[in-house]
C-alpha atoms as a PDB file:
ATOM      1  CA  MET A   1     -26.382  -8.780  -8.136  1.00  0.00           C
ATOM      2  CA  LYS A   2     -24.948 -10.767 -11.039  1.00  0.00           C
ATOM      3  CA  ILE A   3     -22.776 -13.847 -10.587  1.00  0.00           C
ATOM      4  CA  ASP A   4     -21.204 -15.773 -13.454  1.00  0.00           C
ATOM      5  CA  PHE A   5     -20.223 -19.426 -13.125  1.00  0.00           C
ATOM      6  CA  GLU A   6     -18.307 -21.504 -15.627  1.00  0.00           C
ATOM      7  CA  THR A   7     -18.266 -25.239 -15.077  1.00  0.00           C
ATOM      8  CA  LYS A   8     -16.761 -28.136 -17.018  1.00  0.00           C
ATOM      9  CA  SER A   9     -19.427 -30.807 -16.454  1.00  0.00           C
ATOM     10  CA  ALA A  10     -23.065 -31.347 -15.528  1.00  0.00           C
ATOM     11  CA  GLN A  11     -21.977 -32.779 -12.173  1.00  0.00           C
ATOM     12  CA  GLU A  12     -19.919 -29.671 -11.409  1.00  0.00           C
ATOM     13  CA  THR A  13     -22.859 -27.444 -12.374  1.00  0.00           C
ATOM     14  CA  LYS A  14     -25.215 -29.379 -10.088  1.00  0.00           C
ATOM     15  CA  LYS A  15     -22.722 -29.257  -7.229  1.00  0.00           C
ATOM     16  CA  ILE A  16     -22.330 -25.465  -7.402  1.00  0.00           C
ATOM     17  CA  ALA A  17     -26.104 -25.020  -7.668  1.00  0.00           C
ATOM     18  CA  LYS A  18     -26.738 -27.299  -4.685  1.00  0.00           C
ATOM     19  CA  LEU A  19     -24.210 -25.380  -2.578  1.00  0.00           C
ATOM     20  CA  LEU A  20     -25.802 -22.061  -3.578  1.00  0.00           C
ATOM     21  CA  ALA A  21     -29.265 -23.334  -2.584  1.00  0.00           C
ATOM     22  CA  GLN A  22     -27.955 -24.482   0.777  1.00  0.00           C
ATOM     23  CA  GLU A  23     -26.275 -21.109   1.405  1.00  0.00           C
ATOM     24  CA  ILE A  24     -29.426 -19.187   0.480  1.00  0.00           C
ATOM     25  CA  SER A  25     -31.473 -21.475   2.749  1.00  0.00           C
ATOM     26  CA  ARG A  26     -29.133 -20.787   5.668  1.00  0.00           C
ATOM     27  CA  ALA A  27     -29.155 -17.033   5.116  1.00  0.00           C
ATOM     28  CA  LYS A  28     -31.463 -15.014   7.310  1.00  0.00           C
ATOM     29  CA  LEU A  29     -33.158 -13.095   4.534  1.00  0.00           C
ATOM     30  CA  LYS A  30     -35.016 -10.036   5.761  1.00  0.00           C
ATOM     31  CA  THR A  31     -37.807 -10.231   3.245  1.00  0.00           C
ATOM     32  CA  LYS A  32     -41.242 -11.743   3.107  1.00  0.00           C
ATOM     33  CA  ARG A  33     -41.218 -11.403  -0.660  1.00  0.00           C
ATOM     34  CA  ALA A  34     -40.077 -13.786  -3.326  1.00  0.00           C
ATOM     35  CA  VAL A  35     -36.446 -14.508  -3.968  1.00  0.00           C
ATOM     36  CA  VAL A  36     -35.822 -14.565  -7.716  1.00  0.00           C
ATOM     37  CA  LEU A  37     -32.962 -16.419  -9.318  1.00  0.00           C
ATOM     38  CA  ALA A  38     -32.772 -15.690 -13.055  1.00  0.00           C
ATOM     39  CA  LEU A  39     -30.699 -17.883 -15.328  1.00  0.00           C
ATOM     40  CA  THR A  40     -29.819 -16.882 -18.865  1.00  0.00           C
ATOM     41  CA  GLY A  41     -28.119 -18.849 -21.578  1.00  0.00           C
ATOM     42  CA  ASP A  42     -28.532 -20.498 -24.927  1.00  0.00           C
ATOM     43  CA  LEU A  43     -30.574 -23.643 -25.431  1.00  0.00           C
ATOM     44  CA  GLY A  44     -28.607 -26.532 -23.938  1.00  0.00           C
ATOM     45  CA  SER A  45     -26.291 -24.296 -21.909  1.00  0.00           C
ATOM     46  CA  GLY A  46     -27.078 -25.979 -18.574  1.00  0.00           C
ATOM     47  CA  LYS A  47     -29.889 -23.925 -17.055  1.00  0.00           C
ATOM     48  CA  THR A  48     -32.049 -26.961 -16.255  1.00  0.00           C
ATOM     49  CA  THR A  49     -28.983 -28.846 -15.023  1.00  0.00           C
ATOM     50  CA  PHE A  50     -28.320 -25.935 -12.649  1.00  0.00           C
ATOM     51  CA  ILE A  51     -31.941 -25.982 -11.453  1.00  0.00           C
ATOM     52  CA  GLN A  52     -31.733 -29.740 -10.849  1.00  0.00           C
ATOM     53  CA  GLY A  53     -28.812 -29.192  -8.478  1.00  0.00           C
ATOM     54  CA  PHE A  54     -30.406 -26.127  -6.891  1.00  0.00           C
ATOM     55  CA  LEU A  55     -33.668 -27.921  -6.127  1.00  0.00           C
ATOM     56  CA  ARG A  56     -31.763 -30.909  -4.728  1.00  0.00           C
ATOM     57  CA  GLY A  57     -30.055 -28.428  -2.411  1.00  0.00           C
ATOM     58  CA  LEU A  58     -33.507 -27.381  -1.188  1.00  0.00           C
ATOM     59  CA  GLY A  59     -34.427 -30.985  -0.437  1.00  0.00           C
ATOM     60  CA  ILE A  60     -36.641 -31.556  -3.469  1.00  0.00           C
ATOM     61  CA  LYS A  61     -36.370 -35.176  -4.585  1.00  0.00           C
ATOM     62  CA  LYS A  62     -38.786 -35.224  -7.553  1.00  0.00           C
ATOM     63  CA  LYS A  63     -37.559 -35.653 -11.117  1.00  0.00           C
ATOM     64  CA  ILE A  64     -36.795 -32.206 -12.494  1.00  0.00           C
ATOM     65  CA  THR A  65     -37.179 -31.495 -16.195  1.00  0.00           C
ATOM     66  CA  SER A  66     -37.337 -28.288 -18.195  1.00  0.00           C
ATOM     67  CA  PRO A  67     -40.744 -26.580 -18.219  1.00  0.00           C
ATOM     68  CA  THR A  68     -40.230 -25.384 -21.809  1.00  0.00           C
ATOM     69  CA  PHE A  69     -43.610 -26.654 -23.015  1.00  0.00           C
ATOM     70  CA  VAL A  70     -45.659 -26.134 -19.837  1.00  0.00           C
ATOM     71  CA  ILE A  71     -43.839 -22.844 -19.037  1.00  0.00           C
ATOM     72  CA  MET A  72     -44.003 -23.254 -15.240  1.00  0.00           C
ATOM     73  CA  LYS A  73     -43.582 -26.058 -12.701  1.00  0.00           C
ATOM     74  CA  LYS A  74     -44.194 -25.715  -8.972  1.00  0.00           C
ATOM     75  CA  PHE A  75     -42.256 -27.653  -6.333  1.00  0.00           C
ATOM     76  CA  HIS A  76     -42.797 -27.853  -2.576  1.00  0.00           C
ATOM     77  CA  ALA A  77     -39.529 -27.341  -0.677  1.00  0.00           C
ATOM     78  CA  PRO A  78     -40.017 -29.019   2.718  1.00  0.00           C
ATOM     79  CA  CYS A  79     -36.440 -28.607   3.950  1.00  0.00           C
ATOM     80  CA  SER A  80     -35.852 -24.938   3.246  1.00  0.00           C
ATOM     81  CA  MET A  81     -37.027 -21.458   4.130  1.00  0.00           C
ATOM     82  CA  PHE A  82     -39.015 -21.464   0.892  1.00  0.00           C
ATOM     83  CA  HIS A  83     -42.475 -23.004   0.932  1.00  0.00           C
ATOM     84  CA  ASP A  84     -42.773 -23.280  -2.815  1.00  0.00           C
ATOM     85  CA  VAL A  85     -40.317 -22.984  -5.669  1.00  0.00           C
ATOM     86  CA  TYR A  86     -41.424 -22.098  -9.185  1.00  0.00           C
ATOM     87  CA  HIS A  87     -39.306 -23.141 -12.157  1.00  0.00           C
ATOM     88  CA  ILE A  88     -40.331 -20.914 -15.057  1.00  0.00           C
ATOM     89  CA  ASP A  89     -39.062 -21.075 -18.620  1.00  0.00           C
ATOM     90  CA  CYS A  90     -39.745 -17.657 -20.140  1.00  0.00           C
ATOM     91  CA  TYR A  91     -38.531 -18.638 -23.612  1.00  0.00           C
ATOM     92  CA  ARG A  92     -42.021 -18.598 -25.154  1.00  0.00           C
ATOM     93  CA  LEU A  93     -43.316 -15.560 -23.261  1.00  0.00           C
ATOM     94  CA  ARG A  94     -43.591 -12.457 -25.421  1.00  0.00           C
ATOM     95  CA  LYS A  95     -44.187  -9.833 -22.740  1.00  0.00           C
ATOM     96  CA  PRO A  96     -43.876  -9.551 -18.940  1.00  0.00           C
ATOM     97  CA  ALA A  97     -47.652  -9.299 -18.536  1.00  0.00           C
ATOM     98  CA  GLU A  98     -47.884 -12.974 -19.499  1.00  0.00           C
ATOM     99  CA  LEU A  99     -46.382 -13.820 -16.095  1.00  0.00           C
ATOM    100  CA  ILE A 100     -49.573 -12.450 -14.534  1.00  0.00           C
ATOM    101  CA  ASP A 101     -51.548 -14.947 -16.631  1.00  0.00           C
ATOM    102  CA  LEU A 102     -49.505 -17.666 -14.909  1.00  0.00           C
ATOM    103  CA  GLY A 103     -50.671 -16.368 -11.522  1.00  0.00           C
ATOM    104  CA  LEU A 104     -47.533 -14.412 -10.638  1.00  0.00           C
ATOM    105  CA  LYS A 105     -47.546 -10.824  -9.415  1.00  0.00           C
END
């Protein structure tokens, strides 16, 4: 499923992302597998801003920055159906197999 959002400010982006996280958390998902949310956009287009709002919606209070240089950051989501949330910046990855090197399957 693909959903496009267009917002006018960082606050609006965070608000939509937070609402989406809360809706996903309330949903009774019939899977024991990972839920993947993929964001695409140019540098500076608001992907990290979206993730900041999304993770706030999952109850994560830590400071959230882009993982561009470390590639992946892991967050514990105590107030949601998700145990852990991984924020991955695939910008520097050259091939999908590199995700396995990060410990993902």
